[in-house]
């Protein structure tokens, strides 16, 4: 009579083990899918956005202009007005090109 009891326990243990392996396998598949999704998200965020690069370039140019304004001294003229140093004037001329002007539609 001991034989059927041991056989039942072995069968039950094997069934429990199979269910556990199945659950672990499903969890592994879910984790692999999450990993792939995270890698795709990371890859897409690592791609350079041209608009963002242009915006950062504009910010860099503005910072350079501000630094230039802070470090350059203004030269007083005889008539009491202020003249900019040539380097600063060139920088300002470069930043205000005629392309920025919109013609009147008159």
PDB file of N, CA and C in Angstrom:
ATOM      1  N   UNK A   1       0.789  -1.185   0.000  1.00  0.00           N
ATOM      2  CA  UNK A   1       0.000   0.000   0.000  1.00  0.00           C
ATOM      3  C   UNK A   1       0.842   1.264   0.000  1.00  0.00           C
ATOM      4  N   UNK A   2       2.045   1.176   0.310  1.00  0.00           N
ATOM      5  CA  UNK A   2       2.947   2.315   0.334  1.00  0.00           C
ATOM      6  C   UNK A   2       3.297   2.770  -1.065  1.00  0.00           C
ATOM      7  N   UNK A   3       3.253   1.887  -2.037  1.00  0.00           N
ATOM      8  CA  UNK A   3       3.639   2.223  -3.401  1.00  0.00           C
ATOM      9  C   UNK A   3       2.725   3.273  -4.024  1.00  0.00           C
ATOM     10  N   UNK A   4       1.381   3.146  -3.941  1.00  0.00           N
ATOM     11  CA  UNK A   4       0.540   4.186  -4.554  1.00  0.00           C
ATOM     12  C   UNK A   4       0.723   5.549  -3.898  1.00  0.00           C
ATOM     13  N   UNK A   5       0.971   5.613  -2.629  1.00  0.00           N
ATOM     14  CA  UNK A   5       1.141   6.874  -1.930  1.00  0.00           C
ATOM     15  C   UNK A   5       2.412   7.587  -2.391  1.00  0.00           C
ATOM     16  N   UNK A   6       3.501   6.829  -2.534  1.00  0.00           N
ATOM     17  CA  UNK A   6       4.764   7.419  -2.986  1.00  0.00           C
ATOM     18  C   UNK A   6       4.626   7.870  -4.429  1.00  0.00           C
ATOM     19  N   UNK A   7       3.983   7.090  -5.260  1.00  0.00           N
ATOM     20  CA  UNK A   7       3.791   7.429  -6.662  1.00  0.00           C
ATOM     21  C   UNK A   7       2.965   8.712  -6.798  1.00  0.00           C
ATOM     22  N   UNK A   8       1.923   8.846  -5.953  1.00  0.00           N
ATOM     23  CA  UNK A   8       1.094  10.043  -5.984  1.00  0.00           C
ATOM     24  C   UNK A   8       1.911  11.265  -5.605  1.00  0.00           C
ATOM     25  N   UNK A   9       2.732  11.156  -4.578  1.00  0.00           N
ATOM     26  CA  UNK A   9       3.571  12.275  -4.142  1.00  0.00           C
ATOM     27  C   UNK A   9       4.564  12.671  -5.231  1.00  0.00           C
ATOM     28  N   UNK A  10       5.149  11.714  -5.882  1.00  0.00           N
ATOM     29  CA  UNK A  10       6.106  11.999  -6.966  1.00  0.00           C
ATOM     30  C   UNK A  10       5.387  12.702  -8.115  1.00  0.00           C
ATOM     31  N   UNK A  11       4.209  12.199  -8.463  1.00  0.00           N
ATOM     32  CA  UNK A  11       3.435  12.818  -9.544  1.00  0.00           C
ATOM     33  C   UNK A  11       3.042  14.247  -9.189  1.00  0.00           C
ATOM     34  N   UNK A  12       2.608  14.425  -7.955  1.00  0.00           N
ATOM     35  CA  UNK A  12       2.188  15.758  -7.493  1.00  0.00           C
ATOM     36  C   UNK A  12       3.384  16.707  -7.478  1.00  0.00           C
ATOM     37  N   UNK A  13       4.521  16.259  -7.009  1.00  0.00           N
ATOM     38  CA  UNK A  13       5.728  17.082  -6.981  1.00  0.00           C
ATOM     39  C   UNK A  13       6.175  17.431  -8.400  1.00  0.00           C
ATOM     40  N   UNK A  14       6.094  16.473  -9.315  1.00  0.00           N
ATOM     41  CA  UNK A  14       6.467  16.721 -10.703  1.00  0.00           C
ATOM     42  C   UNK A  14       5.517  17.743 -11.340  1.00  0.00           C
ATOM     43  N   UNK A  15       4.240  17.648 -11.013  1.00  0.00           N
ATOM     44  CA  UNK A  15       3.260  18.599 -11.540  1.00  0.00           C
ATOM     45  C   UNK A  15       3.518  20.000 -10.991  1.00  0.00           C
ATOM     46  N   UNK A  16       3.784  20.111  -9.703  1.00  0.00           N
ATOM     47  CA  UNK A  16       4.105  21.402  -9.092  1.00  0.00           C
ATOM     48  C   UNK A  16       5.379  21.999  -9.709  1.00  0.00           C
ATOM     49  N   UNK A  17       6.353  21.138  -9.913  1.00  0.00           N
ATOM     50  CA  UNK A  17       7.604  21.583 -10.517  1.00  0.00           C
ATOM     51  C   UNK A  17       7.363  22.078 -11.945  1.00  0.00           C
ATOM     52  N   UNK A  18       6.533  21.376 -12.704  1.00  0.00           N
ATOM     53  CA  UNK A  18       6.220  21.787 -14.078  1.00  0.00           C
ATOM     54  C   UNK A  18       5.489  23.129 -14.096  1.00  0.00           C
ATOM     55  N   UNK A  19       4.564  23.348 -13.165  1.00  0.00           N
ATOM     56  CA  UNK A  19       3.847  24.619 -13.077  1.00  0.00           C
ATOM     57  C   UNK A  19       4.802  25.756 -12.716  1.00  0.00           C
ATOM     58  N   UNK A  20       5.720  25.482 -11.807  1.00  0.00           N
ATOM     59  CA  UNK A  20       6.692  26.492 -11.398  1.00  0.00           C
ATOM     60  C   UNK A  20       7.615  26.860 -12.561  1.00  0.00           C
ATOM     61  N   UNK A  21       8.074  25.858 -13.297  1.00  0.00           N
ATOM     62  CA  UNK A  21       8.936  26.107 -14.461  1.00  0.00           C
ATOM     63  C   UNK A  21       8.169  26.896 -15.515  1.00  0.00           C
ATOM     64  N   UNK A  22       6.909  26.567 -15.714  1.00  0.00           N
ATOM     65  CA  UNK A  22       6.084  27.294 -16.681  1.00  0.00           C
ATOM     66  C   UNK A  22       5.923  28.765 -16.265  1.00  0.00           C
ATOM     67  N   UNK A  23       5.636  29.001 -14.996  1.00  0.00           N
ATOM     68  CA  UNK A  23       5.474  30.371 -14.491  1.00  0.00           C
ATOM     69  C   UNK A  23       6.782  31.152 -14.637  1.00  0.00           C
ATOM     70  N   UNK A  24       7.904  30.499 -14.322  1.00  0.00           N
ATOM     71  CA  UNK A  24       9.198  31.158 -14.470  1.00  0.00           C
ATOM     72  C   UNK A  24       9.500  31.469 -15.938  1.00  0.00           C
ATOM     73  N   UNK A  25       9.132  30.559 -16.818  1.00  0.00           N
ATOM     74  CA  UNK A  25       9.345  30.785 -18.251  1.00  0.00           C
ATOM     75  C   UNK A  25       8.530  31.975 -18.747  1.00  0.00           C
ATOM     76  N   UNK A  26       7.271  32.067 -18.307  1.00  0.00           N
ATOM     77  CA  UNK A  26       6.440  33.198 -18.701  1.00  0.00           C
ATOM     78  C   UNK A  26       7.009  34.516 -18.167  1.00  0.00           C
ATOM     79  N   UNK A  27       7.481  34.483 -16.940  1.00  0.00           N
ATOM     80  CA  UNK A  27       8.081  35.690 -16.349  1.00  0.00           C
ATOM     81  C   UNK A  27       9.342  36.092 -17.110  1.00  0.00           C
ATOM     82  N   UNK A  28      10.137  35.121 -17.521  1.00  0.00           N
ATOM     83  CA  UNK A  28      11.349  35.395 -18.292  1.00  0.00           C
ATOM     84  C   UNK A  28      11.000  36.031 -19.635  1.00  0.00           C
ATOM     85  N   UNK A  29       9.962  35.537 -20.298  1.00  0.00           N
ATOM     86  CA  UNK A  29       9.537  36.111 -21.571  1.00  0.00           C
ATOM     87  C   UNK A  29       9.085  37.556 -21.374  1.00  0.00           C
ATOM     88  N   UNK A  30       8.330  37.810 -20.312  1.00  0.00           N
ATOM     89  CA  UNK A  30       7.882  39.175 -20.029  1.00  0.00           C
ATOM     90  C   UNK A  30       9.067  40.101 -19.769  1.00  0.00           C
ATOM     91  N   UNK A  31      10.051  39.639 -19.018  1.00  0.00           N
ATOM     92  CA  UNK A  31      11.227  40.452 -18.740  1.00  0.00           C
ATOM     93  C   UNK A  31      12.031  40.725 -20.013  1.00  0.00           C
ATOM     94  N   UNK A  32      12.140  39.730 -20.882  1.00  0.00           N
ATOM     95  CA  UNK A  32      12.841  39.931 -22.149  1.00  0.00           C
ATOM     96  C   UNK A  32      12.111  40.957 -23.019  1.00  0.00           C
ATOM     97  N   UNK A  33      10.779  40.903 -23.026  1.00  0.00           N
ATOM     98  CA  UNK A  33      10.005  41.873 -23.797  1.00  0.00           C
ATOM     99  C   UNK A  33      10.193  43.286 -23.238  1.00  0.00           C
ATOM    100  N   UNK A  34      10.198  43.421 -21.917  1.00  0.00           N
ATOM    101  CA  UNK A  34      10.430  44.733 -21.303  1.00  0.00           C
ATOM    102  C   UNK A  34      11.818  45.246 -21.627  1.00  0.00           C
ATOM    103  N   UNK A  35      12.799  44.337 -21.623  1.00  0.00           N
ATOM    104  CA  UNK A  35      14.172  44.721 -21.949  1.00  0.00           C
ATOM    105  C   UNK A  35      14.257  45.230 -23.389  1.00  0.00           C
ATOM    106  N   UNK A  36      13.622  44.546 -24.316  1.00  0.00           N
ATOM    107  CA  UNK A  36      13.633  44.981 -25.716  1.00  0.00           C
ATOM    108  C   UNK A  36      12.950  46.346 -25.844  1.00  0.00           C
ATOM    109  N   UNK A  37      11.837  46.531 -25.163  1.00  0.00           N
ATOM    110  CA  UNK A  37      11.123  47.809 -25.218  1.00  0.00           C
ATOM    111  C   UNK A  37      11.992  48.935 -24.657  1.00  0.00           C
ATOM    112  N   UNK A  38      12.678  48.681 -23.551  1.00  0.00           N
ATOM    113  CA  UNK A  38      13.546  49.692 -22.958  1.00  0.00           C
ATOM    114  C   UNK A  38      14.729  50.007 -23.874  1.00  0.00           C
ATOM    115  N   UNK A  39      15.287  48.987 -24.528  1.00  0.00           N
ATOM    116  CA  UNK A  39      16.395  49.217 -25.450  1.00  0.00           C
ATOM    117  C   UNK A  39      15.940  50.053 -26.639  1.00  0.00           C
ATOM    118  N   UNK A  40      14.740  49.784 -27.155  1.00  0.00           N
ATOM    119  CA  UNK A  40      14.203  50.576 -28.264  1.00  0.00           C
ATOM    120  C   UNK A  40      13.969  52.022 -27.840  1.00  0.00           C
ATOM    121  N   UNK A  41      13.445  52.196 -26.638  1.00  0.00           N
ATOM    122  CA  UNK A  41      13.202  53.543 -26.133  1.00  0.00           C
ATOM    123  C   UNK A  41      14.517  54.289 -25.962  1.00  0.00           C
ATOM    124  N   UNK A  42      15.521  53.624 -25.448  1.00  0.00           N
ATOM    125  CA  UNK A  42      16.832  54.233 -25.275  1.00  0.00           C
ATOM    126  C   UNK A  42      17.445  54.590 -26.615  1.00  0.00           C
ATOM    127  N   UNK A  43      17.314  53.703 -27.587  1.00  0.00           N
ATOM    128  CA  UNK A  43      17.873  53.962 -28.919  1.00  0.00           C
ATOM    129  C   UNK A  43      17.171  55.136 -29.591  1.00  0.00           C
ATOM    130  N   UNK A  44      15.857  55.233 -29.432  1.00  0.00           N
ATOM    131  CA  UNK A  44      15.130  56.337 -30.065  1.00  0.00           C
ATOM    132  C   UNK A  44      15.433  57.658 -29.380  1.00  0.00           C
ATOM    133  N   UNK A  45      15.648  57.648 -28.078  1.00  0.00           N
ATOM    134  CA  UNK A  45      15.975  58.895 -27.389  1.00  0.00           C
ATOM    135  C   UNK A  45      17.419  59.302 -27.636  1.00  0.00           C
ATOM    136  N   UNK A  46      18.261  58.359 -28.020  1.00  0.00           N
ATOM    137  CA  UNK A  46      19.666  58.675 -28.286  1.00  0.00           C
ATOM    138  C   UNK A  46      19.852  59.290 -29.661  1.00  0.00           C
ATOM    139  N   UNK A  47      18.874  59.125 -30.551  1.00  0.00           N
ATOM    140  CA  UNK A  47      18.980  59.726 -31.875  1.00  0.00           C
ATOM    141  C   UNK A  47      18.891  61.238 -31.751  1.00  0.00           C
ATOM    142  N   UNK A  48      19.705  61.919 -32.543  1.00  0.00           N
ATOM    143  CA  UNK A  48      19.753  63.368 -32.464  1.00  0.00           C
ATOM    144  C   UNK A  48      18.573  63.986 -33.201  1.00  0.00           C
ATOM    145  N   UNK A  49      17.908  64.888 -32.534  1.00  0.00           N
ATOM    146  CA  UNK A  49      16.782  65.604 -33.112  1.00  0.00           C
ATOM    147  C   UNK A  49      17.323  66.900 -33.725  1.00  0.00           C
ATOM    148  N   UNK A  50      17.154  67.111 -35.042  1.00  0.00           N
ATOM    149  CA  UNK A  50      17.710  68.310 -35.679  1.00  0.00           C
ATOM    150  C   UNK A  50      17.186  69.608 -35.071  1.00  0.00           C
ATOM    151  N   UNK A  51      15.921  69.650 -34.714  1.00  0.00           N
ATOM    152  CA  UNK A  51      15.364  70.863 -34.119  1.00  0.00           C
ATOM    153  C   UNK A  51      16.001  71.138 -32.763  1.00  0.00           C
ATOM    154  N   UNK A  52      16.220  70.081 -32.002  1.00  0.00           N
ATOM    155  CA  UNK A  52      16.853  70.248 -30.695  1.00  0.00           C
ATOM    156  C   UNK A  52      18.297  70.709 -30.851  1.00  0.00           C
ATOM    157  N   UNK A  53      19.011  70.150 -31.833  1.00  0.00           N
ATOM    158  CA  UNK A  53      20.389  70.564 -32.077  1.00  0.00           C
ATOM    159  C   UNK A  53      20.454  72.023 -32.507  1.00  0.00           C
ATOM    160  N   UNK A  54      19.525  72.446 -33.351  1.00  0.00           N
ATOM    161  CA  UNK A  54      19.501  73.846 -33.778  1.00  0.00           C
ATOM    162  C   UNK A  54      19.202  74.763 -32.595  1.00  0.00           C
ATOM    163  N   UNK A  55      18.273  74.351 -31.753  1.00  0.00           N
ATOM    164  CA  UNK A  55      17.939  75.134 -30.567  1.00  0.00           C
ATOM    165  C   UNK A  55      19.143  75.258 -29.640  1.00  0.00           C
ATOM    166  N   UNK A  56      19.859  74.153 -29.451  1.00  0.00           N
ATOM    167  CA  UNK A  56      21.053  74.202 -28.610  1.00  0.00           C
ATOM    168  C   UNK A  56      22.137  75.078 -29.233  1.00  0.00           C
ATOM    169  N   UNK A  57      22.229  75.043 -30.545  1.00  0.00           N
ATOM    170  CA  UNK A  57      23.190  75.893 -31.236  1.00  0.00           C
ATOM    171  C   UNK A  57      22.844  77.370 -31.022  1.00  0.00           C
ATOM    172  N   UNK A  58      21.552  77.695 -31.107  1.00  0.00           N
ATOM    173  CA  UNK A  58      21.121  79.072 -30.862  1.00  0.00           C
ATOM    174  C   UNK A  58      21.417  79.496 -29.429  1.00  0.00           C
ATOM    175  N   UNK A  59      21.204  78.604 -28.497  1.00  0.00           N
ATOM    176  CA  UNK A  59      21.496  78.916 -27.095  1.00  0.00           C
ATOM    177  C   UNK A  59      22.985  79.162 -26.917  1.00  0.00           C
ATOM    178  N   UNK A  60      23.801  78.335 -27.560  1.00  0.00           N
ATOM    179  CA  UNK A  60      25.247  78.509 -27.472  1.00  0.00           C
ATOM    180  C   UNK A  60      25.662  79.860 -28.049  1.00  0.00           C
ATOM    181  N   UNK A  61      25.069  80.237 -29.176  1.00  0.00           N
ATOM    182  CA  UNK A  61      25.377  81.526 -29.786  1.00  0.00           C
ATOM    183  C   UNK A  61      24.979  82.670 -28.862  1.00  0.00           C
ATOM    184  N   UNK A  62      23.810  82.565 -28.230  1.00  0.00           N
ATOM    185  CA  UNK A  62      23.377  83.601 -27.295  1.00  0.00           C
ATOM    186  C   UNK A  62      24.306  83.702 -26.099  1.00  0.00           C
ATOM    187  N   UNK A  63      24.753  82.556 -25.599  1.00  0.00           N
ATOM    188  CA  UNK A  63      25.701  82.576 -24.484  1.00  0.00           C
ATOM    189  C   UNK A  63      27.008  83.243 -24.879  1.00  0.00           C
ATOM    190  N   UNK A  64      27.480  82.954 -26.078  1.00  0.00           N
ATOM    191  CA  UNK A  64      28.702  83.601 -26.552  1.00  0.00           C
ATOM    192  C   UNK A  64      28.507  85.105 -26.670  1.00  0.00           C
ATOM    193  N   UNK A  65      27.357  85.513 -27.187  1.00  0.00           N
ATOM    194  CA  UNK A  65      27.070  86.945 -27.296  1.00  0.00           C
ATOM    195  C   UNK A  65      27.060  87.613 -25.932  1.00  0.00           C
ATOM    196  N   UNK A  66      26.429  86.959 -24.968  1.00  0.00           N
ATOM    197  CA  UNK A  66      26.368  87.519 -23.612  1.00  0.00           C
ATOM    198  C   UNK A  66      27.760  87.610 -22.999  1.00  0.00           C
ATOM    199  N   UNK A  67      28.545  86.557 -23.184  1.00  0.00           N
ATOM    200  CA  UNK A  67      29.916  86.599 -22.651  1.00  0.00           C
ATOM    201  C   UNK A  67      30.711  87.725 -23.300  1.00  0.00           C
ATOM    202  N   UNK A  68      30.527  87.871 -24.601  1.00  0.00           N
ATOM    203  CA  UNK A  68      31.234  88.912 -25.325  1.00  0.00           C
ATOM    204  C   UNK A  68      30.815  90.290 -24.823  1.00  0.00           C
ATOM    205  N   UNK A  69      29.538  90.465 -24.606  1.00  0.00           N
ATOM    206  CA  UNK A  69      29.050  91.738 -24.081  1.00  0.00           C
ATOM    207  C   UNK A  69      29.591  92.015 -22.686  1.00  0.00           C
ATOM    208  N   UNK A  70      29.701  90.983 -21.886  1.00  0.00           N
ATOM    209  CA  UNK A  70      30.192  91.167 -20.528  1.00  0.00           C
ATOM    210  C   UNK A  70      31.692  91.430 -20.480  1.00  0.00           C
ATOM    211  N   UNK A  71      32.442  90.845 -21.388  1.00  0.00           N
ATOM    212  CA  UNK A  71      33.899  91.005 -21.333  1.00  0.00           C
ATOM    213  C   UNK A  71      34.390  92.202 -22.125  1.00  0.00           C
ATOM    214  N   UNK A  72      33.667  92.600 -23.151  1.00  0.00           N
ATOM    215  CA  UNK A  72      34.088  93.733 -23.972  1.00  0.00           C
ATOM    216  C   UNK A  72      33.705  95.039 -23.302  1.00  0.00           C
ATOM    217  N   UNK A  73      34.554  96.012 -23.438  1.00  0.00           N
ATOM    218  CA  UNK A  73      34.256  97.335 -22.911  1.00  0.00           C
ATOM    219  C   UNK A  73      33.755  98.205 -24.046  1.00  0.00           C
ATOM    220  N   UNK A  74      32.906  99.120 -23.719  1.00  0.00           N
ATOM    221  CA  UNK A  74      32.429 100.075 -24.706  1.00  0.00           C
ATOM    222  C   UNK A  74      33.393 101.242 -24.763  1.00  0.00           C
ATOM    223  N   UNK A  75      33.616 101.785 -25.948  1.00  0.00           N
ATOM    224  CA  UNK A  75      34.508 102.920 -26.126  1.00  0.00           C
ATOM    225  C   UNK A  75      33.680 104.197 -26.196  1.00  0.00           C
ATOM    226  N   UNK A  76      33.904 105.159 -25.303  1.00  0.00           N
ATOM    227  CA  UNK A  76      33.134 106.416 -25.383  1.00  0.00           C
ATOM    228  C   UNK A  76      33.601 107.257 -26.569  1.00  0.00           C
ATOM    229  N   UNK A  77      32.655 107.869 -27.230  1.00  0.00           N
ATOM    230  CA  UNK A  77      32.953 108.778 -28.332  1.00  0.00           C
ATOM    231  C   UNK A  77      32.951 110.207 -27.812  1.00  0.00           C
ATOM    232  N   UNK A  78      33.406 111.105 -28.609  1.00  0.00           N
ATOM    233  CA  UNK A  78      33.488 112.514 -28.205  1.00  0.00           C
ATOM    234  C   UNK A  78      32.115 113.129 -27.996  1.00  0.00           C
ATOM    235  N   UNK A  79      31.114 112.689 -28.755  1.00  0.00           N
ATOM    236  CA  UNK A  79      29.791 113.300 -28.654  1.00  0.00           C
ATOM    237  C   UNK A  79      28.926 112.680 -27.552  1.00  0.00           C
ATOM    238  N   UNK A  80      29.506 111.861 -26.714  1.00  0.00           N
ATOM    239  CA  UNK A  80      28.774 111.301 -25.591  1.00  0.00           C
ATOM    240  C   UNK A  80      28.090 109.980 -25.890  1.00  0.00           C
ATOM    241  N   UNK A  81      28.049 109.546 -27.163  1.00  0.00           N
ATOM    242  CA  UNK A  81      27.450 108.249 -27.469  1.00  0.00           C
ATOM    243  C   UNK A  81      28.477 107.150 -27.243  1.00  0.00           C
ATOM    244  N   UNK A  82      28.051 105.920 -27.364  1.00  0.00           N
ATOM    245  CA  UNK A  82      28.916 104.784 -27.083  1.00  0.00           C
ATOM    246  C   UNK A  82      29.138 104.007 -28.383  1.00  0.00           C
ATOM    247  N   UNK A  83      30.393 103.674 -28.647  1.00  0.00           N
ATOM    248  CA  UNK A  83      30.707 102.857 -29.827  1.00  0.00           C
ATOM    249  C   UNK A  83      31.118 101.471 -29.362  1.00  0.00           C
ATOM    250  N   UNK A  84      30.758 100.469 -30.115  1.00  0.00           N
ATOM    251  CA  UNK A  84      31.124  99.103 -29.767  1.00  0.00           C
ATOM    252  C   UNK A  84      32.486  98.780 -30.352  1.00  0.00           C
ATOM    253  N   UNK A  85      33.180  97.893 -29.710  1.00  0.00           N
ATOM    254  CA  UNK A  85      34.459  97.444 -30.251  1.00  0.00           C
ATOM    255  C   UNK A  85      34.196  96.715 -31.572  1.00  0.00           C
ATOM    256  N   UNK A  86      35.147  96.722 -32.490  1.00  0.00           N
ATOM    257  CA  UNK A  86      34.924  96.094 -33.806  1.00  0.00           C
ATOM    258  C   UNK A  86      34.523  94.621 -33.720  1.00  0.00           C
ATOM    259  N   UNK A  87      35.132  93.875 -32.796  1.00  0.00           N
ATOM    260  CA  UNK A  87      34.805  92.454 -32.682  1.00  0.00           C
ATOM    261  C   UNK A  87      33.335  92.273 -32.290  1.00  0.00           C
ATOM    262  N   UNK A  88      32.878  93.085 -31.349  1.00  0.00           N
ATOM    263  CA  UNK A  88      31.481  93.004 -30.908  1.00  0.00           C
ATOM    264  C   UNK A  88      30.538  93.431 -32.023  1.00  0.00           C
ATOM    265  N   UNK A  89      30.918  94.485 -32.764  1.00  0.00           N
ATOM    266  CA  UNK A  89      30.080  94.948 -33.859  1.00  0.00           C
ATOM    267  C   UNK A  89      29.960  93.882 -34.941  1.00  0.00           C
ATOM    268  N   UNK A  90      31.055  93.189 -35.240  1.00  0.00           N
ATOM    269  CA  UNK A  90      31.013  92.112 -36.226  1.00  0.00           C
ATOM    270  C   UNK A  90      30.094  90.986 -35.768  1.00  0.00           C
ATOM    271  N   UNK A  91      30.178  90.661 -34.484  1.00  0.00           N
ATOM    272  CA  UNK A  91      29.323  89.602 -33.932  1.00  0.00           C
ATOM    273  C   UNK A  91      27.855  90.003 -34.039  1.00  0.00           C
ATOM    274  N   UNK A  92      27.547  91.236 -33.716  1.00  0.00           N
ATOM    275  CA  UNK A  92      26.163  91.705 -33.803  1.00  0.00           C
ATOM    276  C   UNK A  92      25.696  91.740 -35.252  1.00  0.00           C
ATOM    277  N   UNK A  93      26.578  92.150 -36.171  1.00  0.00           N
ATOM    278  CA  UNK A  93      26.211  92.171 -37.587  1.00  0.00           C
ATOM    279  C   UNK A  93      25.915  90.772 -38.101  1.00  0.00           C
ATOM    280  N   UNK A  94      26.676  89.792 -37.645  1.00  0.00           N
ATOM    281  CA  UNK A  94      26.451  88.410 -38.072  1.00  0.00           C
ATOM    282  C   UNK A  94      25.104  87.895 -37.589  1.00  0.00           C
ATOM    283  N   UNK A  95      24.707  88.307 -36.397  1.00  0.00           N
ATOM    284  CA  UNK A  95      23.452  87.817 -35.818  1.00  0.00           C
ATOM    285  C   UNK A  95      22.226  88.523 -36.377  1.00  0.00           C
ATOM    286  N   UNK A  96      22.396  89.668 -36.988  1.00  0.00           N
ATOM    287  CA  UNK A  96      21.258  90.398 -37.561  1.00  0.00           C
ATOM    288  C   UNK A  96      21.464  90.509 -39.061  1.00  0.00           C
ATOM    289  N   UNK A  97      21.356  89.379 -39.731  1.00  0.00           N
ATOM    290  CA  UNK A  97      21.504  89.350 -41.187  1.00  0.00           C
ATOM    291  C   UNK A  97      20.211  89.813 -41.838  1.00  0.00           C
ATOM    292  N   UNK A  98      20.279  90.297 -43.093  1.00  0.00           N
ATOM    293  CA  UNK A  98      19.073  90.778 -43.777  1.00  0.00           C
ATOM    294  C   UNK A  98      18.048  89.698 -44.048  1.00  0.00           C
ATOM    295  N   UNK A  99      18.413  88.418 -43.918  1.00  0.00           N
ATOM    296  CA  UNK A  99      17.439  87.346 -44.140  1.00  0.00           C
ATOM    297  C   UNK A  99      16.309  87.401 -43.121  1.00  0.00           C
ATOM    298  N   UNK A 100      16.596  87.998 -41.958  1.00  0.00           N
ATOM    299  CA  UNK A 100      15.602  88.060 -40.885  1.00  0.00           C
ATOM    300  C   UNK A 100      14.515  89.098 -41.173  1.00  0.00           C
ATOM    301  N   UNK A 101      14.755  89.998 -42.124  1.00  0.00           N
ATOM    302  CA  UNK A 101      13.813  91.076 -42.414  1.00  0.00           C
ATOM    303  C   UNK A 101      12.737  90.543 -43.361  1.00  0.00           C
ATOM    304  N   UNK A 102      11.477  90.811 -43.013  1.00  0.00           N
ATOM    305  CA  UNK A 102      10.350  90.382 -43.834  1.00  0.00           C
ATOM    306  C   UNK A 102       9.880  91.587 -44.642  1.00  0.00           C
ATOM    307  N   UNK A 103       9.850  91.484 -45.982  1.00  0.00           N
ATOM    308  CA  UNK A 103       9.420  92.633 -46.800  1.00  0.00           C
ATOM    309  C   UNK A 103       7.935  92.938 -46.594  1.00  0.00           C
ATOM    310  N   UNK A 104       7.597  94.220 -46.697  1.00  0.00           N
ATOM    311  CA  UNK A 104       6.191  94.632 -46.584  1.00  0.00           C
ATOM    312  C   UNK A 104       5.420  94.179 -47.809  1.00  0.00           C
ATOM    313  N   UNK A 105       4.188  93.810 -47.608  1.00  0.00           N
ATOM    314  CA  UNK A 105       3.335  93.352 -48.692  1.00  0.00           C
ATOM    315  C   UNK A 105       2.465  94.494 -49.179  1.00  0.00           C
ATOM    316  N   UNK A 106       3.005  95.706 -49.249  1.00  0.00           N
ATOM    317  CA  UNK A 106       2.227  96.892 -49.611  1.00  0.00           C
ATOM    318  C   UNK A 106       2.041  97.061 -51.088  1.00  0.00           C
TER     319      UNK A 106
END
